[in-house]
Amino acid sequence: MIPSDIRDEIMRRLANTEKEKGVRIVLAIESGSRAWGFASPNSDYDVRFIYIHPEDWYYSINLEERRDVIEYPIVDEIDLNGWDIRKALKLFWKSNPAFVEWIQSPIKYIEVGGFAEKARMLLPSVYSQESGIYHYRSMAKSNRNRYLRAEKVPLKKYFYVLRPLLACRWIEKYNTAAPIEFEKLLHLLGNQKELLREIDILHAKKRDAPEMGLSDPVPILNEFIEIELVRLEALNPQNSGKCEQKSVLNILFKDTLHE
């Protein structure tokens, strides 16, 4: 899925990050369209990582003032940045959609120690269905409003609407975070064969088209999107109230720090 020369370069940059910044990367993954399963031939490589400093770094009265992200300017097709583990876990506690997707990515570059696996095990008890539905509903609506009302529609934007809509269905049905791979969500459309056929045709076009390839509007997809957005607007998901205490995430932080 990731060409070997690109993977080698990504691994080289991650190793340089550890050396230059004095950190240990516990998880590095591919995010975005390549992880979702609908990349274009010229899509960027969105590399995201979680890192941890030596233990003494966290024993400081000015800890909150210290930078908790590592970011690099985008100079080629590799987009590389990451979060300190404390930032990542604080966002996990809030059901941050980026972190939830990172730990579920099917494309991994680095996974060392027990951090990622323990985070995945905690996901059912930490994740807020209310937050998840709100996030994906908003994502679908904003992309619909911005991109799907033109005479020519960016191919990838259909998937930027369809994937979050199906993620909402997953959360409703299974009461847990949705997987990030688009293909794993399609069964939620049941026996809507014509709709599935149009999605498959669009998916094939997307795989062969450049990143900003355009398409004529697809009426059956537009109709499904409008109906689903109206349904979700009327939905009033209940807050699961999960993880009211941060204790389990404090334990995960300490365990990872002492590994």
Protein backbone atom coordinates (compact mmCIF):
# COMPACT_ATOMS: atom_id res chain seq x y z
CA MET A 1 0.00 0.00 0.00
CA ILE A 2 2.91 2.33 0.78
CA PRO A 3 5.71 2.11 -1.81
CA SER A 4 8.90 0.76 -0.28
CA ASP A 5 10.99 3.83 -1.17
CA ILE A 6 8.42 6.14 0.45
CA ARG A 7 8.19 3.95 3.54
CA ASP A 8 11.99 3.95 3.84
CA GLU A 9 12.07 7.75 3.64
CA ILE A 10 9.30 8.07 6.23
CA MET A 11 11.16 5.74 8.58
CA ARG A 12 14.35 7.76 8.07
CA ARG A 13 12.57 11.00 8.97
CA LEU A 14 10.96 9.45 12.03
CA ALA A 15 14.37 8.19 13.21
CA ASN A 16 15.81 11.67 12.70
CA THR A 17 12.96 13.12 14.75
CA GLU A 18 13.76 10.85 17.67
CA LYS A 19 17.44 11.76 17.47
CA GLU A 20 17.06 15.51 16.97
CA LYS A 21 14.21 16.05 19.45
CA GLY A 22 15.36 13.56 22.10
CA VAL A 23 12.04 11.69 22.12
CA ARG A 24 10.80 8.14 21.63
CA ILE A 25 8.02 7.56 19.13
CA VAL A 26 5.56 4.99 20.45
CA LEU A 27 3.15 5.10 17.52
CA ALA A 28 3.47 6.36 13.94
CA ILE A 29 0.74 5.78 11.39
CA GLU A 30 -0.69 6.91 8.08
CA SER A 31 -3.72 9.15 8.39
CA GLY A 32 -6.05 10.70 5.82
CA SER A 33 -7.21 9.29 2.52
CA ARG A 34 -4.61 6.52 2.27
CA ALA A 35 -5.71 5.09 5.61
CA TRP A 36 -9.38 5.65 4.78
CA GLY A 37 -8.99 3.66 1.57
CA PHE A 38 -9.71 6.19 -1.17
CA ALA A 39 -6.39 7.80 -2.02
CA SER A 40 -5.60 9.23 -5.44
CA PRO A 41 -2.35 8.33 -7.20
CA ASN A 42 -0.83 11.66 -6.16
CA SER A 43 -2.26 11.89 -2.62
CA ASP A 44 0.11 13.08 0.08
CA TYR A 45 1.40 10.77 2.79
CA ASP A 46 -0.10 12.06 6.04
CA VAL A 47 2.23 10.65 8.70
CA ARG A 48 1.13 11.22 12.31
CA PHE A 49 2.90 10.08 15.47
CA ILE A 50 2.72 10.03 19.26
CA TYR A 51 5.99 10.56 21.13
CA ILE A 52 7.24 10.61 24.70
CA HIS A 53 10.08 12.52 26.35
CA PRO A 54 12.42 11.14 29.02
CA GLU A 55 10.70 11.06 32.40
CA ASP A 56 12.53 14.09 33.82
CA TRP A 57 11.10 16.29 31.06
CA TYR A 58 7.68 16.06 32.70
CA TYR A 59 8.97 17.09 36.15
CA SER A 60 8.87 20.83 35.59
CA ILE A 61 6.93 23.76 36.99
CA ASN A 62 6.61 25.18 33.47
CA LEU A 63 5.46 21.94 31.86
CA GLU A 64 2.28 23.52 30.53
CA GLU A 65 4.36 26.15 28.73
CA ARG A 66 6.47 23.58 26.91
CA ARG A 67 5.70 22.79 23.31
CA ASP A 68 3.73 19.55 22.97
CA VAL A 69 3.72 19.13 19.19
CA ILE A 70 6.40 18.42 16.61
CA GLU A 71 5.63 19.85 13.20
CA TYR A 72 7.57 20.02 9.96
CA PRO A 73 6.93 22.25 6.93
CA ILE A 74 5.51 20.39 3.95
CA VAL A 75 8.19 20.42 1.26
CA ASP A 76 7.19 17.32 -0.70
CA GLU A 77 4.49 14.63 -0.63
CA ILE A 78 5.27 13.63 2.98
CA ASP A 79 3.35 15.57 5.66
CA LEU A 80 4.86 14.71 9.05
CA ASN A 81 3.81 15.87 12.51
CA GLY A 82 3.03 14.47 15.95
CA TRP A 83 1.81 15.03 19.50
CA ASP A 84 3.39 14.55 22.90
CA ILE A 85 1.73 11.70 24.81
CA ARG A 86 0.18 14.02 27.42
CA LYS A 87 -1.50 16.09 24.73
CA ALA A 88 -2.64 12.91 22.97
CA LEU A 89 -4.18 11.41 26.12
CA LYS A 90 -5.91 14.65 27.12
CA LEU A 91 -7.48 14.71 23.67
CA PHE A 92 -8.35 11.03 23.94
CA TRP A 93 -10.29 11.84 27.13
CA LYS A 94 -12.35 14.27 25.01
CA SER A 95 -12.91 11.65 22.29
CA ASN A 96 -10.81 13.68 19.87
CA PRO A 97 -11.58 12.26 16.40
CA ALA A 98 -8.01 12.57 15.13
CA PHE A 99 -6.53 10.55 17.99
CA VAL A 100 -9.32 7.97 17.80
CA GLU A 101 -8.58 7.49 14.10
CA TRP A 102 -4.80 7.40 14.60
CA ILE A 103 -4.90 4.45 16.98
CA GLN A 104 -7.15 2.57 14.54
CA SER A 105 -5.14 3.24 11.39
CA PRO A 106 -4.49 0.10 9.32
CA ILE A 107 -1.16 1.53 8.09
CA LYS A 108 1.48 1.57 10.81
CA TYR A 109 5.10 2.69 10.58
CA ILE A 110 6.03 2.33 14.26
CA GLU A 111 4.26 0.68 17.19
CA VAL A 112 6.50 -0.03 20.16
CA GLY A 113 5.63 -0.87 23.74
CA GLY A 114 2.09 -1.25 24.94
CA PHE A 115 0.75 2.28 24.43
CA ALA A 116 -1.25 1.84 21.24
CA GLU A 117 -2.71 -1.54 22.11
CA LYS A 118 -3.75 -0.36 25.58
CA ALA A 119 -5.32 2.77 24.08
CA ARG A 120 -7.33 0.61 21.67
CA MET A 121 -8.47 -1.58 24.56
CA LEU A 122 -9.65 1.52 26.44
CA LEU A 123 -11.51 2.95 23.45
CA PRO A 124 -14.92 1.39 24.25
CA SER A 125 -14.85 2.79 27.79
CA VAL A 126 -13.48 6.23 26.86
CA TYR A 127 -15.25 7.07 23.63
CA SER A 128 -18.30 9.35 23.68
CA GLN A 129 -20.88 8.42 21.06
CA GLU A 130 -22.40 11.88 21.35
CA SER A 131 -19.08 13.54 20.49
CA GLY A 132 -18.48 11.12 17.64
CA ILE A 133 -21.84 11.70 15.98
CA TYR A 134 -21.55 15.46 16.41
CA HIS A 135 -18.10 15.48 14.80
CA TYR A 136 -18.96 13.29 11.81
CA ARG A 137 -22.29 15.00 11.22
CA SER A 138 -20.56 18.39 11.17
CA MET A 139 -17.84 17.10 8.85
CA ALA A 140 -20.37 15.72 6.39
CA LYS A 141 -22.48 18.86 6.44
CA SER A 142 -19.59 21.28 5.96
CA ASN A 143 -18.13 19.30 3.06
CA ARG A 144 -21.59 18.98 1.46
CA ASN A 145 -22.15 22.73 1.72
CA ARG A 146 -18.72 23.67 0.44
CA TYR A 147 -18.14 21.20 -2.38
CA LEU A 148 -21.19 19.23 -3.49
CA ARG A 149 -23.38 22.05 -4.78
CA ALA A 150 -21.27 22.98 -7.79
CA GLU A 151 -21.67 21.98 -11.44
CA LYS A 152 -18.49 19.91 -11.12
CA VAL A 153 -17.75 18.10 -7.87
CA PRO A 154 -14.28 17.09 -6.60
CA LEU A 155 -14.35 13.30 -6.59
CA LYS A 156 -12.73 12.98 -3.18
CA LYS A 157 -15.28 15.26 -1.55
CA TYR A 158 -18.05 12.75 -2.11
CA PHE A 159 -16.07 10.39 0.12
CA TYR A 160 -15.42 13.21 2.60
CA VAL A 161 -19.21 13.30 3.02
CA LEU A 162 -20.12 9.62 2.65
CA ARG A 163 -17.53 8.31 5.11
CA PRO A 164 -18.63 10.51 8.04
CA LEU A 165 -22.29 9.79 7.32
CA LEU A 166 -21.64 6.06 7.48
CA ALA A 167 -19.48 6.56 10.58
CA CYS A 168 -22.53 8.08 12.27
CA ARG A 169 -24.55 5.01 11.33
CA TRP A 170 -21.84 2.78 12.79
CA ILE A 171 -21.86 4.68 16.09
CA GLU A 172 -25.65 4.48 16.25
CA LYS A 173 -25.68 0.76 15.51
CA TYR A 174 -22.72 -0.47 17.54
CA ASN A 175 -22.34 2.23 20.23
CA THR A 176 -18.60 2.48 19.68
CA ALA A 177 -16.08 4.35 17.56
CA ALA A 178 -16.32 3.67 13.84
CA PRO A 179 -13.42 2.04 11.98
CA ILE A 180 -11.64 4.43 9.68
CA GLU A 181 -11.57 2.24 6.54
CA PHE A 182 -14.39 3.22 4.19
CA GLU A 183 -14.91 -0.36 2.98
CA LYS A 184 -15.73 -1.54 6.51
CA LEU A 185 -18.66 0.89 6.65
CA LEU A 186 -20.41 -0.06 3.42
CA HIS A 187 -22.39 -2.95 4.91
CA LEU A 188 -24.40 -0.31 6.76
CA LEU A 189 -26.12 0.48 3.46
CA GLY A 190 -27.73 -2.95 3.54
CA ASN A 191 -29.31 -3.99 0.25
CA GLN A 192 -29.28 -0.54 -1.41
CA LYS A 193 -27.70 -2.08 -4.49
CA GLU A 194 -27.99 0.89 -6.82
CA LEU A 195 -26.43 3.21 -4.26
CA LEU A 196 -23.62 0.74 -3.60
CA ARG A 197 -23.02 0.36 -7.33
CA GLU A 198 -22.66 4.12 -7.81
CA ILE A 199 -20.27 4.30 -4.86
CA ASP A 200 -18.19 1.50 -6.36
CA ILE A 201 -18.05 3.29 -9.74
CA LEU A 202 -17.04 6.53 -8.05
CA HIS A 203 -14.42 4.72 -5.97
CA ALA A 204 -12.86 3.25 -9.12
CA LYS A 205 -12.73 6.71 -10.71
CA LYS A 206 -11.15 8.13 -7.56
CA ARG A 207 -8.35 5.56 -7.56
CA ASP A 208 -7.34 6.60 -11.10
CA ALA A 209 -7.96 10.35 -10.89
CA PRO A 210 -5.60 13.08 -9.66
CA GLU A 211 -6.12 14.45 -6.15
CA MET A 212 -8.47 17.21 -7.31
CA GLY A 213 -10.17 15.24 -10.11
CA LEU A 214 -13.71 16.42 -10.89
CA SER A 215 -16.95 14.60 -11.57
CA ASP A 216 -20.48 15.44 -12.62
CA PRO A 217 -22.86 15.36 -9.66
CA VAL A 218 -24.28 11.90 -8.96
CA PRO A 219 -28.02 12.28 -8.27
CA ILE A 220 -28.48 9.08 -6.26
CA LEU A 221 -25.55 10.00 -3.98
CA ASN A 222 -26.83 13.53 -3.54
CA GLU A 223 -30.28 12.23 -2.63
CA PHE A 224 -28.86 9.81 -0.05
CA ILE A 225 -26.67 12.56 1.45
CA GLU A 226 -29.59 14.99 1.80
CA ILE A 227 -31.89 12.41 3.38
CA GLU A 228 -29.19 11.25 5.79
CA LEU A 229 -28.27 14.79 6.86
CA VAL A 230 -31.91 15.59 7.58
CA ARG A 231 -32.19 12.40 9.65
CA LEU A 232 -29.04 13.19 11.60
CA GLU A 233 -30.13 16.76 12.28
CA ALA A 234 -33.17 15.34 14.05
CA LEU A 235 -31.07 12.87 16.00
CA ASN A 236 -30.40 13.67 19.63
CA PRO A 237 -27.60 11.33 20.71
CA GLN A 238 -27.22 10.86 24.43
CA ASN A 239 -23.93 11.48 26.17
CA SER A 240 -22.60 8.13 27.24
CA GLY A 241 -20.95 9.70 30.27
CA LYS A 242 -17.96 7.43 29.83
CA CYS A 243 -14.61 8.03 31.43
CA GLU A 244 -15.72 10.72 33.86
CA GLN A 245 -12.44 10.08 35.67
CA LYS A 246 -9.07 10.40 33.99
CA SER A 247 -7.57 7.68 36.16
CA VAL A 248 -7.29 5.03 33.44
CA LEU A 249 -5.50 7.47 31.16
CA ASN A 250 -3.18 8.56 33.96
CA ILE A 251 -2.25 4.90 34.41
CA LEU A 252 -1.61 4.53 30.69
CA PHE A 253 0.62 7.61 30.73
CA LYS A 254 2.65 6.36 33.69
CA ASP A 255 2.94 2.84 32.28
CA THR A 256 4.24 4.19 28.98
CA LEU A 257 6.61 6.61 30.70
CA HIS A 258 8.16 3.78 32.74
CA GLU A 259 8.47 1.25 29.92
